[in-house]
Amino acid sequence: WEYAPSKATQFRVYRAMGDERLRMY
């Protein structure tokens, strides 16, 4: 993914398998 210059210092990726609830991955 692309993002515009901002104050973001990190990205948190959340993942779920199947019908599970998304969790910080």
PDB file of all heavy atoms in Angstrom:
ATOM      1  N   TRP A   1       0.829  -1.198   0.000  1.00  0.00           N
ATOM      2  CA  TRP A   1       0.000   0.000   0.000  1.00  0.00           C
ATOM      3  C   TRP A   1       0.863   1.247   0.000  1.00  0.00           C
ATOM      4  O   TRP A   1       1.990   1.237   0.413  1.00  0.00           O
ATOM      5  CB  TRP A   1      -0.985   0.018   1.167  1.00  0.00           C
ATOM      6  CG  TRP A   1      -0.378   0.085   2.537  1.00  0.00           C
ATOM      7  CD1 TRP A   1      -0.126   1.211   3.276  1.00  0.00           C
ATOM      8  CD2 TRP A   1       0.034  -1.015   3.357  1.00  0.00           C
ATOM      9  NE1 TRP A   1       0.419   0.876   4.489  1.00  0.00           N
ATOM     10  CE2 TRP A   1       0.526  -0.488   4.566  1.00  0.00           C
ATOM     11  CE3 TRP A   1       0.040  -2.398   3.177  1.00  0.00           C
ATOM     12  CZ2 TRP A   1       1.025  -1.297   5.583  1.00  0.00           C
ATOM     13  CZ3 TRP A   1       0.540  -3.187   4.200  1.00  0.00           C
ATOM     14  CH2 TRP A   1       1.018  -2.645   5.385  1.00  0.00           C
ATOM     15  N   GLU A   2       0.278   2.301  -0.537  1.00  0.00           N
ATOM     16  CA  GLU A   2       0.932   3.601  -0.568  1.00  0.00           C
ATOM     17  C   GLU A   2       0.250   4.492   0.461  1.00  0.00           C
ATOM     18  O   GLU A   2      -0.932   4.315   0.753  1.00  0.00           O
ATOM     19  CB  GLU A   2       0.783   4.248  -1.943  1.00  0.00           C
ATOM     20  CG  GLU A   2       1.527   3.523  -3.035  1.00  0.00           C
ATOM     21  CD  GLU A   2       1.384   4.214  -4.375  1.00  0.00           C
ATOM     22  OE1 GLU A   2       1.366   5.465  -4.401  1.00  0.00           O
ATOM     23  OE2 GLU A   2       1.285   3.501  -5.373  1.00  0.00           O
ATOM     24  N   TYR A   3       0.989   5.448   0.974  1.00  0.00           N
ATOM     25  CA  TYR A   3       0.388   6.402   1.894  1.00  0.00           C
ATOM     26  C   TYR A   3       1.044   7.759   1.691  1.00  0.00           C
ATOM     27  O   TYR A   3       2.202   7.854   1.294  1.00  0.00           O
ATOM     28  CB  TYR A   3       0.520   5.925   3.343  1.00  0.00           C
ATOM     29  CG  TYR A   3       1.929   5.926   3.870  1.00  0.00           C
ATOM     30  CD1 TYR A   3       2.393   6.979   4.662  1.00  0.00           C
ATOM     31  CD2 TYR A   3       2.807   4.890   3.577  1.00  0.00           C
ATOM     32  CE1 TYR A   3       3.697   6.987   5.131  1.00  0.00           C
ATOM     33  CE2 TYR A   3       4.103   4.894   4.054  1.00  0.00           C
ATOM     34  CZ  TYR A   3       4.541   5.941   4.831  1.00  0.00           C
ATOM     35  OH  TYR A   3       5.824   5.945   5.289  1.00  0.00           O
ATOM     36  N   ALA A   4       0.266   8.795   1.922  1.00  0.00           N
ATOM     37  CA  ALA A   4       0.775  10.159   1.793  1.00  0.00           C
ATOM     38  C   ALA A   4       1.695  10.452   2.977  1.00  0.00           C
ATOM     39  O   ALA A   4       1.488   9.911   4.070  1.00  0.00           O
ATOM     40  CB  ALA A   4      -0.385  11.138   1.771  1.00  0.00           C
ATOM     41  N   PRO A   5       2.711  11.278   2.779  1.00  0.00           N
ATOM     42  CA  PRO A   5       3.584  11.629   3.902  1.00  0.00           C
ATOM     43  C   PRO A   5       2.740  12.129   5.071  1.00  0.00           C
ATOM     44  O   PRO A   5       1.844  12.948   4.900  1.00  0.00           O
ATOM     45  CB  PRO A   5       4.464  12.749   3.338  1.00  0.00           C
ATOM     46  CG  PRO A   5       4.453  12.535   1.868  1.00  0.00           C
ATOM     47  CD  PRO A   5       3.091  11.960   1.552  1.00  0.00           C
ATOM     48  N   SER A   6       3.000  11.580   6.213  1.00  0.00           N
ATOM     49  CA  SER A   6       2.219  11.923   7.406  1.00  0.00           C
ATOM     50  C   SER A   6       3.090  11.729   8.633  1.00  0.00           C
ATOM     51  O   SER A   6       4.287  11.529   8.530  1.00  0.00           O
ATOM     52  CB  SER A   6       0.980  11.031   7.487  1.00  0.00           C
ATOM     53  OG  SER A   6       1.379   9.689   7.683  1.00  0.00           O
ATOM     54  N   LYS A   7       2.455  11.753   9.767  1.00  0.00           N
ATOM     55  CA  LYS A   7       3.183  11.548  11.015  1.00  0.00           C
ATOM     56  C   LYS A   7       3.217  10.073  11.412  1.00  0.00           C
ATOM     57  O   LYS A   7       3.652   9.739  12.496  1.00  0.00           O
ATOM     58  CB  LYS A   7       2.537  12.376  12.131  1.00  0.00           C
ATOM     59  CG  LYS A   7       2.645  13.865  11.887  1.00  0.00           C
ATOM     60  CD  LYS A   7       2.031  14.639  13.020  1.00  0.00           C
ATOM     61  CE  LYS A   7       2.138  16.134  12.749  1.00  0.00           C
ATOM     62  NZ  LYS A   7       1.562  16.917  13.832  1.00  0.00           N
ATOM     63  N   ALA A   8       2.760   9.201  10.547  1.00  0.00           N
ATOM     64  CA  ALA A   8       2.755   7.767  10.849  1.00  0.00           C
ATOM     65  C   ALA A   8       4.183   7.266  10.994  1.00  0.00           C
ATOM     66  O   ALA A   8       5.022   7.499  10.132  1.00  0.00           O
ATOM     67  CB  ALA A   8       2.030   6.986   9.767  1.00  0.00           C
ATOM     68  N   THR A   9       4.451   6.600  12.097  1.00  0.00           N
ATOM     69  CA  THR A   9       5.772   6.020  12.333  1.00  0.00           C
ATOM     70  C   THR A   9       5.729   4.501  12.220  1.00  0.00           C
ATOM     71  O   THR A   9       6.771   3.856  12.152  1.00  0.00           O
ATOM     72  CB  THR A   9       6.302   6.397  13.730  1.00  0.00           C
ATOM     73  OG1 THR A   9       5.360   5.965  14.715  1.00  0.00           O
ATOM     74  CG2 THR A   9       6.509   7.903  13.843  1.00  0.00           C
ATOM     75  N   GLN A  10       4.517   3.961  12.229  1.00  0.00           N
ATOM     76  CA  GLN A  10       4.363   2.519  12.085  1.00  0.00           C
ATOM     77  C   GLN A  10       2.944   2.210  11.627  1.00  0.00           C
ATOM     78  O   GLN A  10       2.046   3.035  11.739  1.00  0.00           O
ATOM     79  CB  GLN A  10       4.677   1.794  13.385  1.00  0.00           C
ATOM     80  CG  GLN A  10       3.780   2.168  14.541  1.00  0.00           C
ATOM     81  CD  GLN A  10       4.207   1.510  15.848  1.00  0.00           C
ATOM     82  OE1 GLN A  10       5.182   0.776  15.899  1.00  0.00           O
ATOM     83  NE2 GLN A  10       3.490   1.762  16.902  1.00  0.00           N
ATOM     84  N   PHE A  11       2.785   1.007  11.110  1.00  0.00           N
ATOM     85  CA  PHE A  11       1.478   0.497  10.725  1.00  0.00           C
ATOM     86  C   PHE A  11       1.265  -0.809  11.469  1.00  0.00           C
ATOM     87  O   PHE A  11       2.159  -1.650  11.533  1.00  0.00           O
ATOM     88  CB  PHE A  11       1.406   0.249   9.219  1.00  0.00           C
ATOM     89  CG  PHE A  11       1.348   1.491   8.404  1.00  0.00           C
ATOM     90  CD1 PHE A  11       2.499   2.111   7.982  1.00  0.00           C
ATOM     91  CD2 PHE A  11       0.125   2.050   8.076  1.00  0.00           C
ATOM     92  CE1 PHE A  11       2.455   3.269   7.221  1.00  0.00           C
ATOM     93  CE2 PHE A  11       0.066   3.214   7.313  1.00  0.00           C
ATOM     94  CZ  PHE A  11       1.231   3.823   6.895  1.00  0.00           C
ATOM     95  N   ARG A  12       0.078  -0.970  12.013  1.00  0.00           N
ATOM     96  CA  ARG A  12      -0.288  -2.246  12.644  1.00  0.00           C
ATOM     97  C   ARG A  12      -1.146  -3.028  11.659  1.00  0.00           C
ATOM     98  O   ARG A  12      -2.142  -2.518  11.151  1.00  0.00           O
ATOM     99  CB  ARG A  12      -1.046  -2.007  13.933  1.00  0.00           C
ATOM    100  CG  ARG A  12      -0.166  -1.432  15.016  1.00  0.00           C
ATOM    101  CD  ARG A  12      -0.881  -1.349  16.319  1.00  0.00           C
ATOM    102  NE  ARG A  12       0.018  -0.805  17.327  1.00  0.00           N
ATOM    103  CZ  ARG A  12      -0.377  -0.363  18.496  1.00  0.00           C
ATOM    104  NH1 ARG A  12      -1.653  -0.398  18.822  1.00  0.00           N
ATOM    105  NH2 ARG A  12       0.500   0.121  19.351  1.00  0.00           N
ATOM    106  N   VAL A  13      -0.725  -4.259  11.405  1.00  0.00           N
ATOM    107  CA  VAL A  13      -1.463  -5.131  10.503  1.00  0.00           C
ATOM    108  C   VAL A  13      -2.309  -6.070  11.357  1.00  0.00           C
ATOM    109  O   VAL A  13      -1.805  -6.730  12.266  1.00  0.00           O
ATOM    110  CB  VAL A  13      -0.498  -5.954   9.608  1.00  0.00           C
ATOM    111  CG1 VAL A  13      -1.280  -6.902   8.711  1.00  0.00           C
ATOM    112  CG2 VAL A  13       0.397  -5.027   8.791  1.00  0.00           C
ATOM    113  N   TYR A  14      -3.603  -6.101  11.068  1.00  0.00           N
ATOM    114  CA  TYR A  14      -4.532  -6.988  11.766  1.00  0.00           C
ATOM    115  C   TYR A  14      -4.924  -8.092  10.794  1.00  0.00           C
ATOM    116  O   TYR A  14      -5.056  -7.855   9.595  1.00  0.00           O
ATOM    117  CB  TYR A  14      -5.778  -6.212  12.206  1.00  0.00           C
ATOM    118  CG  TYR A  14      -5.506  -5.257  13.331  1.00  0.00           C
ATOM    119  CD1 TYR A  14      -4.819  -4.063  13.118  1.00  0.00           C
ATOM    120  CD2 TYR A  14      -5.917  -5.545  14.622  1.00  0.00           C
ATOM    121  CE1 TYR A  14      -4.556  -3.187  14.147  1.00  0.00           C
ATOM    122  CE2 TYR A  14      -5.657  -4.664  15.666  1.00  0.00           C
ATOM    123  CZ  TYR A  14      -4.981  -3.497  15.424  1.00  0.00           C
ATOM    124  OH  TYR A  14      -4.711  -2.624  16.453  1.00  0.00           O
ATOM    125  N   ARG A  15      -5.101  -9.299  11.330  1.00  0.00           N
ATOM    126  CA  ARG A  15      -5.407 -10.441  10.478  1.00  0.00           C
ATOM    127  C   ARG A  15      -6.442 -11.331  11.145  1.00  0.00           C
ATOM    128  O   ARG A  15      -6.474 -11.463  12.377  1.00  0.00           O
ATOM    129  CB  ARG A  15      -4.137 -11.256  10.226  1.00  0.00           C
ATOM    130  CG  ARG A  15      -4.370 -12.438   9.295  1.00  0.00           C
ATOM    131  CD  ARG A  15      -3.106 -13.225   9.119  1.00  0.00           C
ATOM    132  NE  ARG A  15      -3.101 -14.331  10.069  1.00  0.00           N
ATOM    133  CZ  ARG A  15      -2.454 -15.471   9.876  1.00  0.00           C
ATOM    134  NH1 ARG A  15      -1.729 -15.657   8.790  1.00  0.00           N
ATOM    135  NH2 ARG A  15      -2.505 -16.423  10.765  1.00  0.00           N
ATOM    136  N   ALA A  16      -7.267 -11.959  10.312  1.00  0.00           N
ATOM    137  CA  ALA A  16      -8.214 -12.975  10.784  1.00  0.00           C
ATOM    138  C   ALA A  16      -8.211 -14.102   9.769  1.00  0.00           C
ATOM    139  O   ALA A  16      -8.054 -13.880   8.574  1.00  0.00           O
ATOM    140  CB  ALA A  16      -9.614 -12.393  10.910  1.00  0.00           C
ATOM    141  N   MET A  17      -8.367 -15.313  10.261  1.00  0.00           N
ATOM    142  CA  MET A  17      -8.483 -16.471   9.382  1.00  0.00           C
ATOM    143  C   MET A  17      -9.937 -16.930   9.421  1.00  0.00           C
ATOM    144  O   MET A  17     -10.508 -17.107  10.510  1.00  0.00           O
ATOM    145  CB  MET A  17      -7.567 -17.605   9.835  1.00  0.00           C
ATOM    146  CG  MET A  17      -7.543 -18.764   8.840  1.00  0.00           C
ATOM    147  SD  MET A  17      -6.300 -20.011   9.233  1.00  0.00           S
ATOM    148  CE  MET A  17      -7.174 -20.940  10.485  1.00  0.00           C
ATOM    149  N   GLY A  18     -10.530 -17.090   8.242  1.00  0.00           N
ATOM    150  CA  GLY A  18     -11.932 -17.522   8.173  1.00  0.00           C
ATOM    151  C   GLY A  18     -12.849 -16.514   8.840  1.00  0.00           C
ATOM    152  O   GLY A  18     -12.765 -15.318   8.586  1.00  0.00           O
ATOM    153  N   ASP A  19     -13.699 -16.996   9.747  1.00  0.00           N
ATOM    154  CA  ASP A  19     -14.659 -16.130  10.434  1.00  0.00           C
ATOM    155  C   ASP A  19     -14.147 -15.619  11.774  1.00  0.00           C
ATOM    156  O   ASP A  19     -14.917 -15.053  12.561  1.00  0.00           O
ATOM    157  CB  ASP A  19     -15.982 -16.888  10.657  1.00  0.00           C
ATOM    158  CG  ASP A  19     -16.715 -17.156   9.356  1.00  0.00           C
ATOM    159  OD1 ASP A  19     -16.532 -16.370   8.402  1.00  0.00           O
ATOM    160  OD2 ASP A  19     -17.451 -18.156   9.288  1.00  0.00           O
ATOM    161  N   GLU A  20     -12.874 -15.826  12.049  1.00  0.00           N
ATOM    162  CA  GLU A  20     -12.315 -15.343  13.315  1.00  0.00           C
ATOM    163  C   GLU A  20     -12.388 -13.823  13.381  1.00  0.00           C
ATOM    164  O   GLU A  20     -12.519 -13.139  12.373  1.00  0.00           O
ATOM    165  CB  GLU A  20     -10.839 -15.758  13.448  1.00  0.00           C
ATOM    166  CG  GLU A  20     -10.610 -17.223  13.595  1.00  0.00           C
ATOM    167  CD  GLU A  20      -9.130 -17.561  13.642  1.00  0.00           C
ATOM    168  OE1 GLU A  20      -8.284 -16.668  13.397  1.00  0.00           O
ATOM    169  OE2 GLU A  20      -8.812 -18.722  13.921  1.00  0.00           O
ATOM    170  N   ARG A  21     -12.246 -13.305  14.582  1.00  0.00           N
ATOM    171  CA  ARG A  21     -12.196 -11.868  14.796  1.00  0.00           C
ATOM    172  C   ARG A  21     -10.806 -11.356  14.442  1.00  0.00           C
ATOM    173  O   ARG A  21      -9.808 -12.040  14.675  1.00  0.00           O
ATOM    174  CB  ARG A  21     -12.498 -11.587  16.267  1.00  0.00           C
ATOM    175  CG  ARG A  21     -12.749 -10.142  16.580  1.00  0.00           C
ATOM    176  CD  ARG A  21     -13.087 -10.001  18.018  1.00  0.00           C
ATOM    177  NE  ARG A  21     -11.807 -10.083  18.735  1.00  0.00           N
ATOM    178  CZ  ARG A  21     -11.632  -9.813  19.996  1.00  0.00           C
ATOM    179  NH1 ARG A  21     -12.652  -9.504  20.734  1.00  0.00           N
ATOM    180  NH2 ARG A  21     -10.451  -9.880  20.548  1.00  0.00           N
ATOM    181  N   LEU A  22     -10.723 -10.165  13.864  1.00  0.00           N
ATOM    182  CA  LEU A  22      -9.424  -9.572  13.544  1.00  0.00           C
ATOM    183  C   LEU A  22      -8.612  -9.361  14.820  1.00  0.00           C
ATOM    184  O   LEU A  22      -9.151  -8.914  15.835  1.00  0.00           O
ATOM    185  CB  LEU A  22      -9.611  -8.218  12.853  1.00  0.00           C
ATOM    186  CG  LEU A  22      -9.999  -8.265  11.388  1.00  0.00           C
ATOM    187  CD1 LEU A  22     -10.509  -6.911  10.942  1.00  0.00           C
ATOM    188  CD2 LEU A  22      -8.807  -8.666  10.551  1.00  0.00           C
ATOM    189  N   ARG A  23      -7.325  -9.671  14.734  1.00  0.00           N
ATOM    190  CA  ARG A  23      -6.409  -9.475  15.862  1.00  0.00           C
ATOM    191  C   ARG A  23      -5.139  -8.824  15.363  1.00  0.00           C
ATOM    192  O   ARG A  23      -4.732  -9.044  14.222  1.00  0.00           O
ATOM    193  CB  ARG A  23      -6.055 -10.811  16.507  1.00  0.00           C
ATOM    194  CG  ARG A  23      -7.241 -11.464  17.138  1.00  0.00           C
ATOM    195  CD  ARG A  23      -6.852 -12.728  17.809  1.00  0.00           C
ATOM    196  NE  ARG A  23      -8.070 -13.365  18.304  1.00  0.00           N
ATOM    197  CZ  ARG A  23      -8.104 -14.483  18.948  1.00  0.00           C
ATOM    198  NH1 ARG A  23      -6.999 -15.140  19.169  1.00  0.00           N
ATOM    199  NH2 ARG A  23      -9.234 -14.979  19.379  1.00  0.00           N
ATOM    200  N   MET A  24      -4.507  -8.036  16.210  1.00  0.00           N
ATOM    201  CA  MET A  24      -3.248  -7.411  15.840  1.00  0.00           C
ATOM    202  C   MET A  24      -2.248  -8.510  15.543  1.00  0.00           C
ATOM    203  O   MET A  24      -2.075  -9.439  16.320  1.00  0.00           O
ATOM    204  CB  MET A  24      -2.734  -6.533  16.976  1.00  0.00           C
ATOM    205  CG  MET A  24      -1.966  -5.310  16.494  1.00  0.00           C
ATOM    206  SD  MET A  24      -0.326  -5.658  15.895  1.00  0.00           S
ATOM    207  CE  MET A  24       0.545  -5.763  17.421  1.00  0.00           C
ATOM    208  N   TYR A  25      -1.641  -8.455  14.366  1.00  0.00           N
ATOM    209  CA  TYR A  25      -0.789  -9.538  13.883  1.00  0.00           C
ATOM    210  C   TYR A  25       0.681  -9.131  13.814  1.00  0.00           C
ATOM    211  O   TYR A  25       1.553  -9.879  14.228  1.00  0.00           O
ATOM    212  CB  TYR A  25      -1.297  -9.975  12.505  1.00  0.00           C
ATOM    213  CG  TYR A  25      -0.574 -11.136  11.896  1.00  0.00           C
ATOM    214  CD1 TYR A  25      -0.548 -12.370  12.534  1.00  0.00           C
ATOM    215  CD2 TYR A  25       0.065 -11.020  10.677  1.00  0.00           C
ATOM    216  CE1 TYR A  25       0.111 -13.450  11.961  1.00  0.00           C
ATOM    217  CE2 TYR A  25       0.716 -12.084  10.098  1.00  0.00           C
ATOM    218  CZ  TYR A  25       0.736 -13.297  10.745  1.00  0.00           C
ATOM    219  OH  TYR A  25       1.383 -14.359  10.174  1.00  0.00           O
TER     220      TYR A  25
END
